[in-house]
């Protein structure tokens, strides 16, 4: 008996995805709960697992776009499948050598090592076509970490064009989708954008074309926040198991500003204005595959510790490609911290259908005037991009000043530590 492996529904607005990486190969024995492949959509990446024990027969290639409900594999349920598995693996070796166009290869330790790789590492190894046996693992027990795999991909020498043509499996040789006809010196290459990157591009263009985006700037003195963090950091970390970062202060300050200037927490829907009386704050997180914006629900009701734990958990999930679709939907306002990359000043783009986004930037010591004297203080530029169809300049400036005042005098925030 065969069980079909179909592409599951992963969100209301998602109709297709890409089979990014097969974690199990055709003809391989799988057990219930084993990750079969990674499905990458325009919003999230998720692992699809086996529902039964049996032998996998794949029907879709890596990199192939598939629709929701499409059958991409079958699992043959057979009696004694587990016992037959070793024989099947041994029989699979000659087939692999044929598919490899005559390059006879004996089984290597990489075959065994590949099954011990984490999903994130396995994805990099498969996509970059790395040999795990040639990567030095720095993890516990010599395991290969994500950083090891990325370093190996970055440091390897590019293969010669002839090698690429000979060693690549037949199903990956798609000139239109992967590589353009390349010059012998390899100066030009073409690669299809991932669904996530394509979605980001569409969203950015849509935001620019549908909203009247304007940006206003201010700056804030970070002295008080830095002093407060230094004073309570040890106690806070011991008590909550998480460090007290900057982002929780800005989430709290943003909530106070949204309460003071409610229109910034609204949106345009057709000819209507929709006022949100709740505070679901989206926090932009950069990943290797692009920017994702998970949402902190009811941020006004959460403590500093809860905010820090949420932010840390979302960042971890984003790096590992494990964010759920519902964790990316429904935000009312967005905060983006370009300062972590060294940005001194920038104009963030709206995250539709939201009407405002706050941009944080790098903290730099600068001379400023305080009570008629020049002093050096740690300063940060703030940028508020907003939809001018809905929000007037006076309201935008009032919002940004409220954030500035809350950061410069954090005791006005609902401190709970």
Protein backbone atom coordinates (compact mmCIF):
# COMPACT_ATOMS: atom_id res chain seq x y z
CA UNK A 1 0.00 0.00 0.00
CA UNK A 2 1.28 3.48 -0.92
CA UNK A 3 0.59 6.69 0.97
CA UNK A 4 0.72 9.91 -1.02
CA UNK A 5 2.80 12.84 0.24
CA UNK A 6 0.95 16.03 -0.66
CA UNK A 7 1.86 19.69 -0.27
CA UNK A 8 -0.14 20.85 2.77
CA UNK A 9 -1.97 24.16 3.11
CA UNK A 10 0.36 26.46 5.07
CA UNK A 11 -1.59 29.71 4.96
CA UNK A 12 -4.70 31.30 3.53
CA UNK A 13 -2.90 33.38 0.89
CA UNK A 14 -0.31 30.77 -0.11
CA UNK A 15 -1.09 28.72 -3.23
CA UNK A 16 2.32 27.29 -4.09
CA UNK A 17 5.86 26.75 -2.86
CA UNK A 18 9.21 25.30 -3.82
CA UNK A 19 10.67 21.95 -2.78
CA UNK A 20 13.86 23.50 -1.45
CA UNK A 21 15.71 20.41 -0.19
CA UNK A 22 14.93 16.69 0.01
CA UNK A 23 16.20 15.43 3.36
CA UNK A 24 15.46 11.82 2.32
CA UNK A 25 16.26 10.42 -1.10
CA UNK A 26 14.09 8.30 -3.36
CA UNK A 27 14.33 4.63 -2.39
CA UNK A 28 15.37 5.42 1.16
CA UNK A 29 13.64 3.96 4.22
CA UNK A 30 11.79 6.57 6.30
CA UNK A 31 10.04 6.42 9.64
CA UNK A 32 6.97 8.31 10.81
CA UNK A 33 7.99 11.81 11.89
CA UNK A 34 11.19 11.91 9.81
CA UNK A 35 11.62 15.21 7.90
CA UNK A 36 11.19 14.46 4.19
CA UNK A 37 11.78 17.85 2.57
CA UNK A 38 11.73 21.59 3.18
CA UNK A 39 8.89 23.52 1.55
CA UNK A 40 9.80 27.14 0.95
CA UNK A 41 6.94 29.58 0.34
CA UNK A 42 6.82 33.32 -0.15
CA UNK A 43 6.45 33.78 3.61
CA UNK A 44 7.96 30.88 5.53
CA UNK A 45 10.01 27.72 5.17
CA UNK A 46 8.63 24.59 6.80
CA UNK A 47 9.67 20.96 7.03
CA UNK A 48 7.23 18.29 5.83
CA UNK A 49 7.49 15.03 7.75
CA UNK A 50 6.58 11.43 6.97
CA UNK A 51 3.18 10.29 8.23
CA UNK A 52 3.98 6.56 8.04
CA UNK A 53 6.93 4.14 7.96
CA UNK A 54 8.00 2.88 4.55
CA UNK A 55 10.13 3.44 1.47
CA UNK A 56 10.11 6.90 -0.12
CA UNK A 57 9.53 7.40 -3.86
CA UNK A 58 9.94 11.05 -4.86
CA UNK A 59 8.05 12.63 -7.76
CA UNK A 60 9.32 16.23 -7.56
CA UNK A 61 12.84 17.56 -7.96
CA UNK A 62 14.66 19.96 -5.68
CA UNK A 63 13.96 23.53 -6.78
CA UNK A 64 10.66 22.57 -8.41
CA UNK A 65 7.64 24.80 -7.82
CA UNK A 66 4.64 22.86 -6.58
CA UNK A 67 1.03 23.75 -5.81
CA UNK A 68 -0.87 23.17 -2.58
CA UNK A 69 -2.36 19.68 -2.68
CA UNK A 70 0.07 18.41 -5.33
CA UNK A 71 1.51 14.90 -4.82
CA UNK A 72 5.31 15.15 -4.59
CA UNK A 73 6.12 11.66 -3.32
CA UNK A 74 4.73 8.31 -2.19
CA UNK A 75 5.68 6.16 0.77
CA UNK A 76 5.35 2.44 0.12
CA UNK A 77 4.16 0.74 3.26
CA UNK A 78 5.55 -2.79 3.22
CA UNK A 79 5.85 -5.52 5.80
CA UNK A 80 9.37 -5.77 7.05
CA UNK A 81 10.30 -2.50 5.38
CA UNK A 82 12.67 -1.72 8.22
CA UNK A 83 14.55 -5.01 7.74
CA UNK A 84 14.70 -4.47 3.97
CA UNK A 85 16.12 -0.99 4.36
CA UNK A 86 19.83 -1.96 4.55
CA UNK A 87 19.56 -4.05 1.40
CA UNK A 88 17.88 -1.21 -0.43
CA UNK A 89 20.59 1.22 0.61
CA UNK A 90 23.28 -1.13 -0.67
CA UNK A 91 21.43 -1.59 -3.94
CA UNK A 92 21.06 2.16 -4.33
CA UNK A 93 24.82 2.74 -4.52
CA UNK A 94 25.31 1.45 -8.14
CA UNK A 95 22.33 3.55 -9.27
CA UNK A 96 23.95 6.64 -7.79
CA UNK A 97 27.15 5.95 -9.72
CA UNK A 98 25.20 5.70 -12.99
CA UNK A 99 23.36 8.94 -12.28
CA UNK A 100 26.74 10.48 -11.61
CA UNK A 101 27.69 9.86 -15.25
CA UNK A 102 30.26 7.16 -14.88
CA UNK A 103 32.15 8.60 -11.93
CA UNK A 104 32.52 5.44 -9.85
CA UNK A 105 32.38 6.29 -6.17
CA UNK A 106 32.60 4.04 -3.17
CA UNK A 107 30.43 4.76 -0.16
CA UNK A 108 32.04 7.42 2.04
CA UNK A 109 31.60 8.46 5.65
CA UNK A 110 29.65 11.47 4.34
CA UNK A 111 26.67 9.16 3.73
CA UNK A 112 26.47 8.33 7.40
CA UNK A 113 27.33 11.87 8.48
CA UNK A 114 24.56 13.44 6.37
CA UNK A 115 21.87 11.76 8.45
CA UNK A 116 23.34 13.36 11.59
CA UNK A 117 23.16 16.93 10.24
CA UNK A 118 20.57 19.30 11.64
CA UNK A 119 17.87 20.43 9.16
CA UNK A 120 19.46 23.91 8.86
CA UNK A 121 22.93 22.47 8.17
CA UNK A 122 21.54 19.82 5.82
CA UNK A 123 19.78 22.51 3.80
CA UNK A 124 23.00 24.48 3.31
CA UNK A 125 25.00 21.33 2.46
CA UNK A 126 22.43 20.24 -0.14
CA UNK A 127 21.88 23.68 -1.68
CA UNK A 128 25.59 24.48 -1.89
CA UNK A 129 26.46 20.89 -2.88
CA UNK A 130 29.05 20.53 -0.14
CA UNK A 131 30.76 17.32 0.97
CA UNK A 132 30.13 16.95 4.74
CA UNK A 133 33.21 14.75 5.09
CA UNK A 134 35.37 17.72 4.08
CA UNK A 135 33.87 20.15 6.61
CA UNK A 136 35.55 20.44 10.01
CA UNK A 137 32.84 20.39 12.68
CA UNK A 138 33.24 22.72 15.67
CA UNK A 139 30.10 21.57 17.48
CA UNK A 140 29.80 19.10 20.33
CA UNK A 141 31.37 15.77 19.43
CA UNK A 142 32.68 17.21 16.17
CA UNK A 143 29.18 17.88 14.78
CA UNK A 144 28.94 20.32 11.89
CA UNK A 145 27.25 23.57 12.89
CA UNK A 146 25.43 26.01 10.65
CA UNK A 147 28.40 28.37 10.89
CA UNK A 148 30.76 25.59 9.76
CA UNK A 149 28.61 24.91 6.68
CA UNK A 150 28.32 28.60 5.78
CA UNK A 151 32.07 29.08 6.18
CA UNK A 152 32.75 26.06 3.94
CA UNK A 153 30.39 27.41 1.27
CA UNK A 154 32.01 30.85 1.41
CA UNK A 155 35.60 29.67 1.39
CA UNK A 156 35.46 26.98 -1.26
CA UNK A 157 36.91 27.60 -4.69
CA UNK A 158 34.30 27.90 -7.48
CA UNK A 159 34.23 24.78 -9.68
CA UNK A 160 35.33 24.96 -13.27
CA UNK A 161 32.50 25.07 -15.84
CA UNK A 162 33.43 21.58 -17.09
CA UNK A 163 33.18 20.15 -13.55
CA UNK A 164 29.79 21.75 -13.03
CA UNK A 165 28.44 20.16 -16.20
CA UNK A 166 29.76 16.67 -15.41
CA UNK A 167 29.00 16.31 -11.73
CA UNK A 168 25.60 18.02 -11.46
CA UNK A 169 22.65 15.61 -11.31
CA UNK A 170 20.51 15.65 -14.44
CA UNK A 171 17.46 17.10 -12.68
CA UNK A 172 19.37 20.24 -11.60
CA UNK A 173 20.53 21.14 -15.09
CA UNK A 174 17.90 23.77 -15.80
CA UNK A 175 19.60 26.60 -17.69
CA UNK A 176 16.54 28.85 -17.68
CA UNK A 177 15.89 28.60 -13.92
CA UNK A 178 19.35 28.21 -12.40
CA UNK A 179 22.33 29.37 -14.43
CA UNK A 180 22.45 31.51 -17.55
CA UNK A 181 24.93 30.64 -20.31
CA UNK A 182 28.11 31.65 -18.46
CA UNK A 183 31.29 33.02 -19.92
CA UNK A 184 34.39 30.84 -19.42
CA UNK A 185 35.63 33.26 -16.76
CA UNK A 186 32.37 32.83 -14.81
CA UNK A 187 31.71 36.59 -14.58
CA UNK A 188 27.93 36.21 -15.01
CA UNK A 189 25.56 33.72 -13.40
CA UNK A 190 21.78 33.62 -13.18
CA UNK A 191 19.86 32.09 -10.29
CA UNK A 192 16.13 32.05 -9.72
CA UNK A 193 15.08 34.17 -6.74
CA UNK A 194 13.61 32.28 -3.80
CA UNK A 195 9.85 32.63 -3.18
CA UNK A 196 10.62 34.65 -0.04
CA UNK A 197 12.82 37.10 -1.94
CA UNK A 198 10.23 37.41 -4.72
CA UNK A 199 7.54 38.14 -2.13
CA UNK A 200 9.70 40.78 -0.46
CA UNK A 201 10.25 42.44 -3.83
CA UNK A 202 6.52 42.45 -4.57
CA UNK A 203 5.67 43.87 -1.14
CA UNK A 204 8.22 46.67 -1.41
CA UNK A 205 7.06 47.73 -4.87
CA UNK A 206 3.42 47.49 -3.79
CA UNK A 207 4.11 49.67 -0.75
CA UNK A 208 5.81 52.31 -2.89
CA UNK A 209 3.03 52.27 -5.49
CA UNK A 210 0.02 52.32 -3.15
CA UNK A 211 1.03 54.55 -0.22
CA UNK A 212 2.19 58.17 0.00
CA UNK A 213 5.31 57.36 2.01
CA UNK A 214 7.00 60.19 3.87
CA UNK A 215 9.76 59.95 6.50
CA UNK A 216 10.45 62.22 9.45
CA UNK A 217 13.56 62.07 11.64
CA UNK A 218 14.66 62.77 15.17
CA UNK A 219 17.44 61.67 17.50
CA UNK A 220 17.49 60.39 21.04
CA UNK A 221 20.06 60.28 23.82
CA UNK A 222 20.60 56.65 24.88
CA UNK A 223 22.45 57.49 28.11
CA UNK A 224 19.62 56.72 30.54
CA UNK A 225 18.64 53.43 28.88
CA UNK A 226 22.26 52.28 28.76
CA UNK A 227 22.79 53.18 32.42
CA UNK A 228 19.58 51.41 33.47
CA UNK A 229 20.49 48.26 31.54
CA UNK A 230 23.98 48.18 33.05
CA UNK A 231 22.55 48.60 36.54
CA UNK A 232 19.95 45.80 36.39
CA UNK A 233 21.37 43.45 33.74
CA UNK A 234 22.79 40.82 36.08
CA UNK A 235 19.70 40.71 38.27
CA UNK A 236 17.36 40.71 35.24
CA UNK A 237 19.22 37.84 33.53
CA UNK A 238 19.28 35.71 36.69
CA UNK A 239 15.59 36.23 37.31
CA UNK A 240 14.28 35.83 33.75
CA UNK A 241 16.83 33.73 31.90
CA UNK A 242 17.11 36.38 29.20
CA UNK A 243 19.18 39.53 28.73
CA UNK A 244 17.62 42.97 28.88
CA UNK A 245 18.13 44.35 25.38
CA UNK A 246 17.29 47.61 23.66
CA UNK A 247 14.37 46.33 21.62
CA UNK A 248 12.05 45.83 24.60
CA UNK A 249 12.50 49.52 25.52
CA UNK A 250 11.60 50.58 21.99
CA UNK A 251 8.57 48.26 21.90
CA UNK A 252 7.35 49.79 25.17
CA UNK A 253 8.08 53.33 23.94
CA UNK A 254 6.29 52.62 20.66
CA UNK A 255 3.19 51.37 22.46
CA UNK A 256 3.10 54.57 24.56
CA UNK A 257 3.48 56.67 21.39
CA UNK A 258 0.71 54.73 19.61
CA UNK A 259 -1.60 55.37 22.57
CA UNK A 260 -0.77 59.08 22.43
CA UNK A 261 -1.19 59.30 18.61
CA UNK A 262 -3.75 56.55 17.77
CA UNK A 263 -3.97 57.33 14.05
CA UNK A 264 -0.48 55.85 13.53
CA UNK A 265 -1.90 52.52 14.73
CA UNK A 266 -4.59 52.54 12.03
CA UNK A 267 -4.78 51.66 8.37
CA UNK A 268 -6.64 52.50 5.17
CA UNK A 269 -9.00 49.83 3.83
CA UNK A 270 -10.65 50.91 0.59
CA UNK A 271 -12.35 54.20 1.41
CA UNK A 272 -12.45 53.44 5.13
CA UNK A 273 -10.14 54.19 8.03
CA UNK A 274 -9.67 51.24 10.38
CA UNK A 275 -8.53 52.11 13.89
CA UNK A 276 -6.72 49.31 15.75
CA UNK A 277 -7.26 49.47 19.50
CA UNK A 278 -4.74 46.71 20.19
CA UNK A 279 -0.97 46.69 19.87
CA UNK A 280 0.50 43.82 17.86
CA UNK A 281 4.01 45.06 17.15
CA UNK A 282 5.95 43.49 14.27
CA UNK A 283 9.74 43.29 14.70
CA UNK A 284 11.83 42.94 11.54
CA UNK A 285 14.37 40.09 11.67
CA UNK A 286 17.08 39.64 9.05
CA UNK A 287 17.90 36.11 7.87
CA UNK A 288 20.14 34.63 5.18
CA UNK A 289 17.06 34.18 3.00
CA UNK A 290 15.65 37.67 3.49
CA UNK A 291 13.75 39.86 5.93
CA UNK A 292 10.86 38.40 7.91
CA UNK A 293 8.60 40.30 10.31
CA UNK A 294 7.17 38.20 13.16
CA UNK A 295 4.52 39.80 15.36
CA UNK A 296 4.55 40.27 19.15
CA UNK A 297 0.89 39.94 20.16
CA UNK A 298 -0.60 42.35 22.74
CA UNK A 299 2.76 44.00 23.34
CA UNK A 300 1.12 46.48 25.71
CA UNK A 301 0.24 43.67 28.12
CA UNK A 302 3.66 42.01 28.19
CA UNK A 303 6.51 42.57 30.63
CA UNK A 304 10.06 43.45 29.57
CA UNK A 305 11.06 39.83 30.21
CA UNK A 306 8.21 38.46 28.09
CA UNK A 307 9.12 40.84 25.27
CA UNK A 308 12.79 39.82 25.36
CA UNK A 309 11.89 36.12 25.35
CA UNK A 310 9.48 36.58 22.43
CA UNK A 311 12.05 38.51 20.42
CA UNK A 312 14.80 35.96 21.09
CA UNK A 313 12.50 33.03 20.21
CA UNK A 314 11.38 34.67 16.97
CA UNK A 315 14.96 35.43 15.98
CA UNK A 316 15.92 31.79 16.57
CA UNK A 317 12.94 30.48 14.59
CA UNK A 318 13.66 32.90 11.74
CA UNK A 319 17.29 31.75 11.45
CA UNK A 320 16.20 28.11 11.45
CA UNK A 321 13.32 28.70 9.01
CA UNK A 322 10.72 27.49 11.51
CA UNK A 323 8.41 30.50 11.77
CA UNK A 324 4.73 29.67 11.37
CA UNK A 325 2.56 31.63 8.98
CA UNK A 326 0.30 32.89 11.80
CA UNK A 327 3.37 34.37 13.54
CA UNK A 328 3.89 36.71 10.57
CA UNK A 329 0.33 37.97 10.16
CA UNK A 330 -1.72 40.76 11.64
CA UNK A 331 0.78 43.33 12.92
CA UNK A 332 -0.43 46.90 13.45
CA UNK A 333 2.97 48.66 13.45
CA UNK A 334 6.57 47.63 12.66
CA UNK A 335 9.96 48.34 14.24
CA UNK A 336 13.12 47.76 12.18
CA UNK A 337 16.60 47.97 13.69
CA UNK A 338 19.14 48.74 10.99
CA UNK A 339 21.62 49.71 13.68
CA UNK A 340 22.62 46.08 14.24
CA UNK A 341 24.16 46.17 10.74
CA UNK A 342 25.88 49.53 11.34
CA UNK A 343 23.34 51.76 9.59
CA UNK A 344 23.64 55.35 10.82
CA UNK A 345 20.53 56.66 9.05
CA UNK A 346 17.93 55.26 6.68
CA UNK A 347 14.32 55.51 5.54
CA UNK A 348 12.36 52.29 6.22
CA UNK A 349 9.60 51.24 3.82
CA UNK A 350 6.08 50.55 5.09
CA UNK A 351 4.90 47.01 5.77
CA UNK A 352 1.41 47.04 4.14
CA UNK A 353 -1.34 47.43 5.21
CA UNK A 354 0.28 49.16 8.18
CA UNK A 355 0.59 52.94 8.12
CA UNK A 356 3.81 53.38 10.07
CA UNK A 357 7.24 51.87 10.65
CA UNK A 358 9.93 53.00 13.11
CA UNK A 359 13.56 52.71 12.06
CA UNK A 360 16.25 52.40 14.75
CA UNK A 361 19.89 53.05 13.90
CA UNK A 362 23.43 52.70 15.20
CA UNK A 363 24.32 54.27 18.55
CA UNK A 364 27.16 56.75 18.00
CA UNK A 365 28.88 59.00 20.49
CA UNK A 366 28.44 62.58 19.27
CA UNK A 367 28.92 66.06 20.73
CA UNK A 368 25.59 67.71 21.57
CA UNK A 369 24.57 70.84 23.45
CA UNK A 370 23.10 70.28 26.94
CA UNK A 371 22.18 73.31 29.04
CA UNK A 372 24.51 75.50 27.02
CA UNK A 373 27.48 73.13 27.31
CA UNK A 374 28.91 70.76 24.71
CA UNK A 375 28.96 67.17 25.93
CA UNK A 376 29.52 63.81 24.28
CA UNK A 377 26.54 61.43 24.46
CA UNK A 378 25.57 58.08 22.88
CA UNK A 379 23.03 59.20 20.27
CA UNK A 380 20.71 57.29 17.95
CA UNK A 381 18.87 58.63 14.91
CA UNK A 382 15.22 57.61 14.70
CA UNK A 383 13.18 57.53 11.48
CA UNK A 384 9.40 57.23 11.17
CA UNK A 385 8.09 56.38 7.70
CA UNK A 386 4.33 56.84 7.46
CA UNK A 387 1.44 56.90 5.00
CA UNK A 388 0.77 60.59 4.41
CA UNK A 389 -2.71 59.78 3.05
CA UNK A 390 -3.73 59.01 6.61
CA UNK A 391 -1.16 60.62 8.92
CA UNK A 392 -0.31 64.31 8.85
CA UNK A 393 3.17 65.64 9.51
CA UNK A 394 2.13 67.09 12.88
CA UNK A 395 0.96 63.65 14.06
CA UNK A 396 4.09 61.93 12.76
CA UNK A 397 6.35 64.40 14.56
CA UNK A 398 4.30 64.07 17.77
CA UNK A 399 4.65 60.28 17.61
CA UNK A 400 8.43 60.43 17.16
CA UNK A 401 8.85 62.96 19.97
CA UNK A 402 6.86 60.68 22.28
CA UNK A 403 9.23 57.78 21.48
CA UNK A 404 12.25 60.06 22.03
CA UNK A 405 10.94 61.25 25.43
CA UNK A 406 10.23 57.70 26.59
CA UNK A 407 13.72 56.49 25.65
CA UNK A 408 15.48 59.49 27.17
CA UNK A 409 13.49 59.10 30.39
CA UNK A 410 12.79 55.34 30.64
CA UNK A 411 11.36 55.73 34.17
CA UNK A 412 8.18 57.01 32.50
CA UNK A 413 7.72 53.55 30.94
CA UNK A 414 5.88 50.78 32.82
CA UNK A 415 9.10 49.35 34.30
CA UNK A 416 8.51 45.92 35.88
CA UNK A 417 11.99 44.80 36.95
